[in-house]
Amino acid sequence: MNEPIVVRHWAITAAPKAAPAVATTTVLALARIWNANGAEHSVGNAALMTVLAAGAAAGGASLARAGEPVLAATGYAVSGSLALAGVAGYSDGLSLPLLLWALATVLTYCFTARHWRQDRRDALDHQRHLSERREEHAHLERVETIRAETQIEMARAGTAYAEQLASALITRATLPGFDPTALEAAGLPELPAAREGR
């Protein structure tokens, strides 16, 4: 079976790969804007971000125990983002926020690479399963086509045999010296042409 070929734009293909870097960069940029607007060396803001990061981490841990791996990973990601934003907003220099941004970006790519590999494996398994099903159905279609063609040929052969038999009977009846009564006297079955002649 021919399937349509779908060519994706390069931006659609690259967007999931760029998402972790865009997310950590956005957090860093917002934290530095927050830093410029009064969060630098603000103990209250740092305490708020610490409490929020700890709460998100606790939520991720409880979700992990409850058997929700996706929500647990989301909770841990929010906790890390809040911690990065808190440090980047509190510190006065740019070196520590950039170091934390690089570390957070690398860790994000390490965690998401495993999920990307699993998604790729699932997609390949799905494609393999679909191709096996297509092959199985194509085989069944070929067998049914051969069976139908055989039945058609047998019907044609039966029709041709009946036509040839009728033609032979007619030809034999028209031969000079053919006597259906002599055949009947010899004990052979009566032919339809002989009955019609009577």
Protein backbone atom coordinates (compact mmCIF):
# COMPACT_ATOMS: atom_id res chain seq x y z
CA MET A 1 0.00 0.00 0.00
CA ASN A 2 1.28 3.41 -0.87
CA GLU A 3 1.18 5.94 1.91
CA PRO A 4 1.51 9.68 1.36
CA ILE A 5 4.99 11.02 1.99
CA VAL A 6 4.90 13.72 4.64
CA VAL A 7 7.85 16.10 4.74
CA ARG A 8 8.01 18.08 7.95
CA HIS A 9 9.44 21.54 8.13
CA TRP A 10 12.83 21.62 9.84
CA ALA A 11 11.49 23.94 12.57
CA ILE A 12 8.79 21.42 13.53
CA THR A 13 11.41 18.67 13.74
CA ALA A 14 13.87 20.79 15.76
CA ALA A 15 11.35 22.35 18.17
CA PRO A 16 11.22 19.42 20.66
CA LYS A 17 15.02 19.26 20.70
CA ALA A 18 15.31 22.97 21.44
CA ALA A 19 12.58 23.08 24.09
CA PRO A 20 14.82 22.28 27.12
CA ALA A 21 17.33 25.00 26.22
CA VAL A 22 14.54 27.50 25.54
CA ALA A 23 12.92 26.69 28.90
CA THR A 24 16.08 27.11 30.97
CA THR A 25 17.05 30.27 29.05
CA THR A 26 13.59 31.74 29.66
CA VAL A 27 13.87 31.04 33.40
CA LEU A 28 17.33 32.64 33.50
CA ALA A 29 16.16 35.72 31.57
CA LEU A 30 13.10 36.20 33.80
CA ALA A 31 15.22 35.73 36.92
CA ARG A 32 17.72 38.37 35.74
CA ILE A 33 14.84 40.77 35.00
CA TRP A 34 13.55 40.06 38.50
CA ASN A 35 17.09 40.69 39.82
CA ALA A 36 17.19 44.08 38.11
CA ASN A 37 13.82 45.00 39.61
CA GLY A 38 14.79 44.55 43.25
CA ALA A 39 15.31 40.86 43.97
CA GLU A 40 19.09 41.20 44.31
CA HIS A 41 20.13 40.34 47.88
CA SER A 42 16.47 40.26 48.97
CA VAL A 43 16.19 37.68 51.73
CA GLY A 44 12.39 37.60 51.54
CA ASN A 45 12.39 36.81 47.81
CA ALA A 46 15.10 34.16 48.27
CA ALA A 47 13.10 32.57 51.12
CA LEU A 48 9.95 32.57 48.97
CA MET A 49 11.74 30.82 46.10
CA THR A 50 13.30 28.32 48.55
CA VAL A 51 9.89 27.43 49.99
CA LEU A 52 8.35 27.12 46.51
CA ALA A 53 11.23 24.95 45.24
CA ALA A 54 11.05 22.70 48.32
CA GLY A 55 7.27 22.40 47.94
CA ALA A 56 7.58 21.44 44.28
CA ALA A 57 10.26 18.86 45.13
CA ALA A 58 8.08 17.39 47.90
CA GLY A 59 5.15 17.23 45.48
CA GLY A 60 7.34 15.45 42.93
CA ALA A 61 8.48 12.93 45.56
CA SER A 62 4.91 12.18 46.67
CA LEU A 63 3.81 11.77 43.03
CA ALA A 64 6.73 9.41 42.41
CA ARG A 65 5.62 7.26 45.36
CA ALA A 66 2.05 7.33 44.01
CA GLY A 67 3.23 5.86 40.72
CA GLU A 68 2.88 8.98 38.53
CA PRO A 69 6.28 9.27 36.83
CA VAL A 70 5.33 12.03 34.39
CA LEU A 71 3.81 14.27 37.05
CA ALA A 72 6.72 13.52 39.39
CA ALA A 73 9.20 14.58 36.70
CA THR A 74 7.16 17.75 36.17
CA GLY A 75 7.30 18.50 39.89
CA TYR A 76 11.06 18.03 39.97
CA ALA A 77 11.46 20.23 36.88
CA VAL A 78 9.40 23.00 38.51
CA SER A 79 11.49 22.68 41.67
CA GLY A 80 14.72 22.99 39.70
CA SER A 81 13.37 25.96 37.75
CA LEU A 82 12.36 27.75 40.93
CA ALA A 83 15.75 27.07 42.50
CA LEU A 84 17.52 28.39 39.40
CA ALA A 85 15.27 31.46 39.34
CA GLY A 86 15.87 32.09 43.05
CA VAL A 87 19.66 31.92 42.79
CA ALA A 88 19.73 33.94 39.54
CA GLY A 89 17.44 36.57 41.07
CA TYR A 90 19.33 36.82 44.39
CA SER A 91 22.95 36.88 43.17
CA ASP A 92 24.60 40.10 42.06
CA GLY A 93 27.01 38.67 39.45
CA LEU A 94 26.22 36.82 36.24
CA SER A 95 28.76 33.99 36.54
CA LEU A 96 26.84 31.87 39.09
CA PRO A 97 23.47 32.17 37.25
CA LEU A 98 25.17 31.23 33.96
CA LEU A 99 26.87 28.25 35.60
CA LEU A 100 23.55 27.08 37.05
CA TRP A 101 21.84 27.69 33.68
CA ALA A 102 24.43 25.51 31.90
CA LEU A 103 24.11 22.79 34.55
CA ALA A 104 20.29 22.89 34.40
CA THR A 105 20.33 22.73 30.59
CA VAL A 106 22.67 19.72 30.55
CA LEU A 107 20.62 17.90 33.19
CA THR A 108 17.41 18.64 31.29
CA TYR A 109 18.87 17.20 28.10
CA CYS A 110 20.11 14.13 30.00
CA PHE A 111 16.63 13.43 31.37
CA THR A 112 14.74 14.15 28.16
CA ALA A 113 17.11 12.07 25.99
CA ARG A 114 15.86 8.92 27.71
CA HIS A 115 12.25 9.84 26.94
CA TRP A 116 13.13 10.67 23.34
CA ARG A 117 14.78 7.26 22.93
CA GLN A 118 11.72 5.54 24.40
CA ASP A 119 9.41 7.48 22.09
CA ARG A 120 11.57 6.55 19.11
CA ARG A 121 11.49 2.87 20.15
CA ASP A 122 7.70 3.00 20.54
CA ALA A 123 7.31 4.62 17.12
CA LEU A 124 9.55 2.00 15.50
CA ASP A 125 7.62 -0.83 17.20
CA HIS A 126 4.36 0.67 16.00
CA GLN A 127 5.67 0.98 12.41
CA ARG A 128 6.97 -2.60 12.53
CA HIS A 129 3.62 -3.86 13.80
CA LEU A 130 1.77 -1.96 11.07
CA SER A 131 4.04 -3.31 8.34
CA GLU A 132 3.56 -6.88 9.63
CA ARG A 133 -0.21 -6.41 9.59
CA ARG A 134 -0.05 -4.98 6.07
CA GLU A 135 2.01 -7.94 4.89
CA GLU A 136 -0.40 -10.38 6.51
CA HIS A 137 -3.41 -8.73 4.92
CA ALA A 138 -1.65 -8.51 1.55
CA HIS A 139 -0.92 -12.26 1.75
CA LEU A 140 -4.57 -13.02 2.52
CA GLU A 141 -5.69 -10.80 -0.35
CA ARG A 142 -3.32 -12.60 -2.74
CA VAL A 143 -4.62 -16.02 -1.63
CA GLU A 144 -8.24 -14.94 -2.05
CA THR A 145 -7.47 -13.45 -5.47
CA ILE A 146 -5.85 -16.70 -6.61
CA ARG A 147 -8.82 -18.71 -5.26
CA ALA A 148 -11.34 -16.48 -7.07
CA GLU A 149 -9.37 -16.64 -10.32
CA THR A 150 -9.22 -20.43 -10.04
CA GLN A 151 -13.00 -20.64 -9.56
CA ILE A 152 -13.56 -18.37 -12.56
CA GLU A 153 -11.24 -20.47 -14.71
CA MET A 154 -12.99 -23.67 -13.60
CA ALA A 155 -16.38 -22.18 -14.50
CA ARG A 156 -15.02 -21.10 -17.88
CA ALA A 157 -13.59 -24.57 -18.46
CA GLY A 158 -16.95 -26.19 -17.57
CA THR A 159 -18.76 -23.85 -19.94
CA ALA A 160 -16.26 -24.55 -22.71
CA TYR A 161 -16.65 -28.32 -22.15
CA ALA A 162 -20.44 -28.09 -22.40
CA GLU A 163 -20.16 -26.02 -25.58
CA GLN A 164 -17.70 -28.49 -27.12
CA LEU A 165 -19.91 -31.47 -26.18
CA ALA A 166 -22.98 -29.85 -27.74
CA SER A 167 -20.97 -29.02 -30.86
CA ALA A 168 -19.71 -32.63 -31.09
CA LEU A 169 -23.24 -34.02 -30.74
CA ILE A 170 -24.55 -31.73 -33.45
CA THR A 171 -21.61 -32.51 -35.72
CA ARG A 172 -22.04 -36.27 -35.18
CA ALA A 173 -25.77 -36.09 -35.95
CA THR A 174 -25.05 -34.38 -39.27
CA LEU A 175 -22.50 -36.96 -40.41
CA PRO A 176 -23.67 -39.15 -43.34
CA GLY A 177 -24.61 -42.64 -42.27
CA PHE A 178 -25.28 -41.77 -38.62
CA ASP A 179 -28.17 -43.84 -37.34
CA PRO A 180 -29.31 -43.17 -33.77
CA THR A 181 -31.58 -46.23 -33.82
CA ALA A 182 -28.59 -48.50 -34.49
CA LEU A 183 -26.91 -47.06 -31.40
CA GLU A 184 -30.06 -47.64 -29.42
CA ALA A 185 -30.29 -51.25 -30.62
CA ALA A 186 -26.73 -51.82 -29.59
CA GLY A 187 -27.72 -50.96 -26.01
CA LEU A 188 -26.26 -47.53 -25.87
CA PRO A 189 -28.25 -44.80 -24.14
CA GLU A 190 -30.62 -42.80 -26.26
CA LEU A 191 -29.23 -39.49 -27.38
CA PRO A 192 -31.21 -36.30 -27.08
CA ALA A 193 -30.89 -35.73 -30.85
CA ALA A 194 -32.47 -39.15 -31.50
CA ARG A 195 -35.47 -38.28 -29.31
CA GLU A 196 -35.94 -35.00 -31.12
CA GLY A 197 -35.86 -36.79 -34.51
CA ARG A 198 -38.79 -39.04 -33.57
